[in-house]
Amino acid sequence: MRGRDQKIFLEALDELEKEKGILKEELLETIETALLAAYKNYGEKDNVKVTINRNSGDVKVFFTKTNCRKCGKSR
């Protein structure tokens, strides 16, 4: 999502909060969890974090690689 789409996304969450009484924070956490599950299903299984910026609607997926000191390989 970019620019205007992010604004529309956040406005839709605000509207759901008003109309259905579901806290925006709960919606965002649920969406983060769903995106994380989808990412793990199609991508890396470990060391992944999904965050949605509460002000901008920007979605980021973080993946942390660890290096094995003994073998020198990334995991």
C-alpha atoms as a PDB file:
ATOM      1  CA  MET A   1       0.000   0.000   0.000  1.00  0.00           C
ATOM      2  CA  ARG A   2       1.171   3.490  -0.710  1.00  0.00           C
ATOM      3  CA  GLY A   3       0.078   7.022   0.135  1.00  0.00           C
ATOM      4  CA  ARG A   4      -3.623   7.396  -0.425  1.00  0.00           C
ATOM      5  CA  ASP A   5      -4.310   3.675   0.043  1.00  0.00           C
ATOM      6  CA  GLN A   6      -2.754   3.796   3.500  1.00  0.00           C
ATOM      7  CA  LYS A   7      -4.927   6.763   4.435  1.00  0.00           C
ATOM      8  CA  ILE A   8      -8.065   4.972   3.189  1.00  0.00           C
ATOM      9  CA  PHE A   9      -7.013   1.848   5.129  1.00  0.00           C
ATOM     10  CA  LEU A  10      -6.687   3.781   8.405  1.00  0.00           C
ATOM     11  CA  GLU A  11      -9.960   5.637   7.759  1.00  0.00           C
ATOM     12  CA  ALA A  12     -11.711   2.294   7.201  1.00  0.00           C
ATOM     13  CA  LEU A  13     -10.392   1.052  10.547  1.00  0.00           C
ATOM     14  CA  ASP A  14     -11.632   4.244  12.227  1.00  0.00           C
ATOM     15  CA  GLU A  15     -15.049   3.675  10.660  1.00  0.00           C
ATOM     16  CA  LEU A  16     -15.150   0.047  11.859  1.00  0.00           C
ATOM     17  CA  GLU A  17     -14.267   1.202  15.342  1.00  0.00           C
ATOM     18  CA  LYS A  18     -17.133   3.718  15.328  1.00  0.00           C
ATOM     19  CA  GLU A  19     -19.748   1.496  13.691  1.00  0.00           C
ATOM     20  CA  LYS A  20     -18.938  -1.902  15.211  1.00  0.00           C
ATOM     21  CA  GLY A  21     -17.270  -0.886  18.464  1.00  0.00           C
ATOM     22  CA  ILE A  22     -14.101  -2.851  17.713  1.00  0.00           C
ATOM     23  CA  LEU A  23     -11.015  -1.025  18.938  1.00  0.00           C
ATOM     24  CA  LYS A  24      -8.742   0.134  16.129  1.00  0.00           C
ATOM     25  CA  GLU A  25      -5.725  -1.242  18.015  1.00  0.00           C
ATOM     26  CA  GLU A  26      -7.327  -4.689  18.173  1.00  0.00           C
ATOM     27  CA  LEU A  27      -8.016  -4.571  14.437  1.00  0.00           C
ATOM     28  CA  LEU A  28      -4.424  -3.579  13.703  1.00  0.00           C
ATOM     29  CA  GLU A  29      -3.037  -6.342  15.917  1.00  0.00           C
ATOM     30  CA  THR A  30      -5.306  -8.895  14.232  1.00  0.00           C
ATOM     31  CA  ILE A  31      -4.215  -7.753  10.775  1.00  0.00           C
ATOM     32  CA  GLU A  32      -0.552  -7.915  11.814  1.00  0.00           C
ATOM     33  CA  THR A  33      -1.092 -11.467  13.072  1.00  0.00           C
ATOM     34  CA  ALA A  34      -2.840 -12.491   9.843  1.00  0.00           C
ATOM     35  CA  LEU A  35      -0.078 -10.990   7.692  1.00  0.00           C
ATOM     36  CA  LEU A  36       2.543 -12.749   9.800  1.00  0.00           C
ATOM     37  CA  ALA A  37       0.745 -16.082   9.387  1.00  0.00           C
ATOM     38  CA  ALA A  38       0.499 -15.574   5.621  1.00  0.00           C
ATOM     39  CA  TYR A  39       4.158 -14.609   5.376  1.00  0.00           C
ATOM     40  CA  LYS A  40       5.227 -17.659   7.362  1.00  0.00           C
ATOM     41  CA  ASN A  41       3.064 -19.844   5.138  1.00  0.00           C
ATOM     42  CA  TYR A  42       4.779 -18.624   1.951  1.00  0.00           C
ATOM     43  CA  GLY A  43       8.135 -17.367   3.208  1.00  0.00           C
ATOM     44  CA  GLU A  44      10.457 -17.729   6.145  1.00  0.00           C
ATOM     45  CA  LYS A  45       9.195 -19.614   9.163  1.00  0.00           C
ATOM     46  CA  ASP A  46      11.284 -18.031  11.917  1.00  0.00           C
ATOM     47  CA  ASN A  47      12.516 -14.614  13.017  1.00  0.00           C
ATOM     48  CA  VAL A  48       9.797 -12.652  11.226  1.00  0.00           C
ATOM     49  CA  LYS A  49       7.912  -9.638  12.556  1.00  0.00           C
ATOM     50  CA  VAL A  50       5.126  -7.617  10.915  1.00  0.00           C
ATOM     51  CA  THR A  51       4.320  -4.073  12.024  1.00  0.00           C
ATOM     52  CA  ILE A  52       1.754  -1.546  10.884  1.00  0.00           C
ATOM     53  CA  ASN A  53       2.543   2.081  11.673  1.00  0.00           C
ATOM     54  CA  ARG A  54      -0.432   3.409  13.619  1.00  0.00           C
ATOM     55  CA  ASN A  55      -0.072   6.940  12.153  1.00  0.00           C
ATOM     56  CA  SER A  56       0.821   6.323   8.513  1.00  0.00           C
ATOM     57  CA  GLY A  57      -0.568   2.836   7.819  1.00  0.00           C
ATOM     58  CA  ASP A  58       2.837   1.751   6.526  1.00  0.00           C
ATOM     59  CA  VAL A  59       3.254  -2.042   6.695  1.00  0.00           C
ATOM     60  CA  LYS A  60       6.721  -3.482   7.282  1.00  0.00           C
ATOM     61  CA  VAL A  61       7.939  -7.057   7.441  1.00  0.00           C
ATOM     62  CA  PHE A  62      11.166  -7.595   9.347  1.00  0.00           C
ATOM     63  CA  PHE A  63      13.262 -10.713   8.939  1.00  0.00           C
ATOM     64  CA  THR A  64      16.297 -11.400  11.100  1.00  0.00           C
ATOM     65  CA  LYS A  65      19.015 -13.741   9.900  1.00  0.00           C
ATOM     66  CA  THR A  66      21.399 -15.345  12.313  1.00  0.00           C
ATOM     67  CA  ASN A  67      24.885 -16.469  11.362  1.00  0.00           C
ATOM     68  CA  CYS A  68      26.333 -19.678  12.676  1.00  0.00           C
ATOM     69  CA  ARG A  69      29.807 -18.915  14.018  1.00  0.00           C
ATOM     70  CA  LYS A  70      30.936 -22.525  13.701  1.00  0.00           C
ATOM     71  CA  CYS A  71      29.957 -23.095  10.082  1.00  0.00           C
ATOM     72  CA  GLY A  72      29.724 -19.519   8.761  1.00  0.00           C
ATOM     73  CA  LYS A  73      26.330 -20.127   7.170  1.00  0.00           C
ATOM     74  CA  SER A  74      23.279 -17.872   7.427  1.00  0.00           C
ATOM     75  CA  ARG A  75      20.056 -19.265   8.838  1.00  0.00           C
END
